[in-house]
């Protein structure tokens, strides 16, 4: 008689996606919605939530400022992977890419009024990248690891 192996427990992945207007108000709403969604997923109010809100604020501001196409919204996608929160902000402007992690051009001008947002993303996120968006545009993805097993994956949202 052979024992049947026990299958591994299912992995719960949660996804939230929403379009926001490519305006400063849209960027602020994306940041606010991130905090609300992470709270709904029972992510503890720790530095991770604060850091996720700051990353979304920077990426959404970049989408509005540098990736805006008139009449096109930007997209926020949050994914709770169990051990990390993945943040993706996509815009419709495919030809204007920011420098990726460690690339030349990622250092801001010393006296410049801008250019530090992606440095902040690089400091707060455990991983980040710039990706093609199909059919058009680009996506900036950042992942923040969750400390320990901090997320109650059994909740139903």
Protein backbone atom coordinates (compact mmCIF):
# COMPACT_ATOMS: atom_id res chain seq x y z
CA UNK A 1 0.00 0.00 0.00
CA UNK A 2 1.48 3.33 -1.09
CA UNK A 3 0.71 6.53 0.78
CA UNK A 4 -0.64 9.35 -1.34
CA UNK A 5 1.53 12.47 -0.95
CA UNK A 6 -0.18 15.44 0.59
CA UNK A 7 -0.42 18.31 -1.90
CA UNK A 8 1.11 21.62 -0.82
CA UNK A 9 -1.32 24.21 0.50
CA UNK A 10 -2.65 26.60 -2.15
CA UNK A 11 -0.91 29.93 -2.56
CA UNK A 12 -3.24 32.86 -2.20
CA UNK A 13 -2.53 35.74 -4.54
CA UNK A 14 -4.60 38.88 -4.41
CA UNK A 15 -4.68 41.48 -7.18
CA UNK A 16 -6.12 44.98 -7.31
CA UNK A 17 -6.10 46.98 -10.54
CA UNK A 18 -7.52 50.44 -11.22
CA UNK A 19 -7.11 53.19 -13.79
CA UNK A 20 -6.53 56.73 -12.57
CA UNK A 21 -6.62 60.02 -14.45
CA UNK A 22 -3.19 61.27 -15.51
CA UNK A 23 -3.46 64.27 -13.21
CA UNK A 24 -1.98 65.21 -9.83
CA UNK A 25 -5.34 64.28 -8.27
CA UNK A 26 -5.14 60.84 -9.90
CA UNK A 27 -1.66 60.34 -8.44
CA UNK A 28 -2.86 61.29 -4.94
CA UNK A 29 -5.87 58.97 -5.24
CA UNK A 30 -3.59 56.09 -6.29
CA UNK A 31 -1.49 56.58 -3.16
CA UNK A 32 -4.58 56.73 -0.94
CA UNK A 33 -6.13 53.68 -2.61
CA UNK A 34 -2.92 51.72 -2.00
CA UNK A 35 -3.15 52.29 1.75
CA UNK A 36 -6.84 51.38 1.78
CA UNK A 37 -6.27 48.20 -0.26
CA UNK A 38 -3.33 46.99 1.84
CA UNK A 39 -5.46 47.55 4.95
CA UNK A 40 -8.32 45.54 3.35
CA UNK A 41 -5.86 42.72 2.72
CA UNK A 42 -4.88 42.81 6.43
CA UNK A 43 -1.32 43.93 5.79
CA UNK A 44 -0.26 45.31 9.19
CA UNK A 45 0.22 49.07 9.43
CA UNK A 46 3.99 48.80 9.43
CA UNK A 47 6.81 50.43 7.54
CA UNK A 48 5.83 48.24 4.57
CA UNK A 49 2.51 50.07 4.13
CA UNK A 50 4.21 53.44 4.52
CA UNK A 51 6.92 52.46 2.03
CA UNK A 52 4.36 51.08 -0.44
CA UNK A 53 2.43 54.36 -0.28
CA UNK A 54 5.63 56.33 -0.91
CA UNK A 55 6.59 54.10 -3.87
CA UNK A 56 3.13 54.48 -5.41
CA UNK A 57 3.26 58.24 -4.87
CA UNK A 58 6.59 58.48 -6.72
CA UNK A 59 5.64 56.14 -9.56
CA UNK A 60 2.22 57.72 -10.04
CA UNK A 61 3.75 61.23 -10.03
CA UNK A 62 6.24 60.05 -12.67
CA UNK A 63 3.43 58.55 -14.78
CA UNK A 64 1.52 61.83 -14.60
CA UNK A 65 4.56 64.06 -15.18
CA UNK A 66 6.70 62.07 -17.62
CA UNK A 67 4.42 59.39 -19.07
CA UNK A 68 1.24 61.31 -19.70
CA UNK A 69 -0.53 60.88 -23.02
CA UNK A 70 -3.53 63.22 -23.39
CA UNK A 71 -6.76 61.28 -22.94
CA UNK A 72 -5.02 58.20 -21.49
CA UNK A 73 -5.08 57.12 -17.87
CA UNK A 74 -2.33 55.41 -15.91
CA UNK A 75 -2.87 52.05 -14.27
CA UNK A 76 -2.06 50.94 -10.74
CA UNK A 77 -1.80 47.21 -10.05
CA UNK A 78 -1.16 45.88 -6.56
CA UNK A 79 -0.44 42.20 -6.05
CA UNK A 80 -0.17 40.53 -2.67
CA UNK A 81 2.03 37.51 -3.19
CA UNK A 82 2.08 36.25 0.40
CA UNK A 83 5.70 37.19 1.03
CA UNK A 84 5.77 40.49 -0.88
CA UNK A 85 3.68 43.34 -2.20
CA UNK A 86 4.19 44.01 -5.91
CA UNK A 87 3.40 47.49 -7.18
CA UNK A 88 3.07 48.18 -10.89
CA UNK A 89 2.36 51.59 -12.37
CA UNK A 90 1.84 51.67 -16.13
CA UNK A 91 1.48 54.56 -18.52
CA UNK A 92 0.86 54.77 -22.26
CA UNK A 93 4.07 56.57 -23.26
CA UNK A 94 6.31 53.80 -24.53
CA UNK A 95 9.23 55.79 -25.89
CA UNK A 96 10.25 57.72 -22.78
CA UNK A 97 11.76 55.27 -20.30
CA UNK A 98 13.35 56.12 -16.99
CA UNK A 99 16.76 54.66 -16.28
CA UNK A 100 16.46 51.26 -14.64
CA UNK A 101 18.20 50.22 -11.44
CA UNK A 102 21.94 50.93 -11.70
CA UNK A 103 21.79 52.48 -15.18
CA UNK A 104 23.62 55.63 -16.26
CA UNK A 105 21.35 58.64 -15.88
CA UNK A 106 19.85 57.44 -12.62
CA UNK A 107 21.78 60.09 -10.64
CA UNK A 108 19.95 63.43 -10.38
CA UNK A 109 21.53 66.78 -11.12
CA UNK A 110 22.81 68.15 -7.75
CA UNK A 111 20.89 71.44 -7.94
CA UNK A 112 17.91 70.02 -9.87
CA UNK A 113 14.38 70.28 -8.57
CA UNK A 114 13.50 66.75 -9.64
CA UNK A 115 15.07 63.42 -10.47
CA UNK A 116 15.18 61.84 -7.04
CA UNK A 117 11.96 59.83 -7.16
CA UNK A 118 13.45 56.66 -8.62
CA UNK A 119 16.35 56.86 -6.16
CA UNK A 120 13.72 56.80 -3.41
CA UNK A 121 11.98 53.85 -5.08
CA UNK A 122 15.33 52.05 -5.25
CA UNK A 123 15.90 52.61 -1.54
CA UNK A 124 12.42 51.56 -0.42
CA UNK A 125 11.84 48.60 -2.74
CA UNK A 126 13.61 45.29 -2.43
CA UNK A 127 13.48 44.90 -6.23
CA UNK A 128 12.36 47.13 -9.09
CA UNK A 129 12.47 47.21 -12.87
CA UNK A 130 11.13 48.98 -15.94
CA UNK A 131 9.18 46.70 -18.31
CA UNK A 132 7.44 46.88 -21.68
CA UNK A 133 3.68 47.24 -21.49
CA UNK A 134 1.63 45.42 -24.07
CA UNK A 135 0.24 46.78 -26.37
CA UNK A 136 1.88 50.15 -25.72
CA UNK A 137 3.72 51.96 -22.95
CA UNK A 138 5.83 50.95 -20.01
CA UNK A 139 5.40 49.58 -16.52
CA UNK A 140 7.56 50.32 -13.51
CA UNK A 141 7.39 47.39 -11.10
CA UNK A 142 8.57 47.48 -7.50
CA UNK A 143 8.39 44.75 -4.88
CA UNK A 144 8.51 45.16 -1.13
CA UNK A 145 9.12 42.07 0.97
CA UNK A 146 6.81 41.56 3.92
CA UNK A 147 8.50 40.89 7.24
CA UNK A 148 7.89 37.27 8.33
CA UNK A 149 4.41 35.92 7.84
CA UNK A 150 2.79 39.26 8.57
CA UNK A 151 -0.15 38.89 6.19
CA UNK A 152 -3.31 37.03 7.14
CA UNK A 153 -3.82 35.19 3.87
CA UNK A 154 -6.95 33.48 5.09
CA UNK A 155 -9.17 36.56 4.83
CA UNK A 156 -11.55 36.64 1.90
CA UNK A 157 -10.94 39.87 0.06
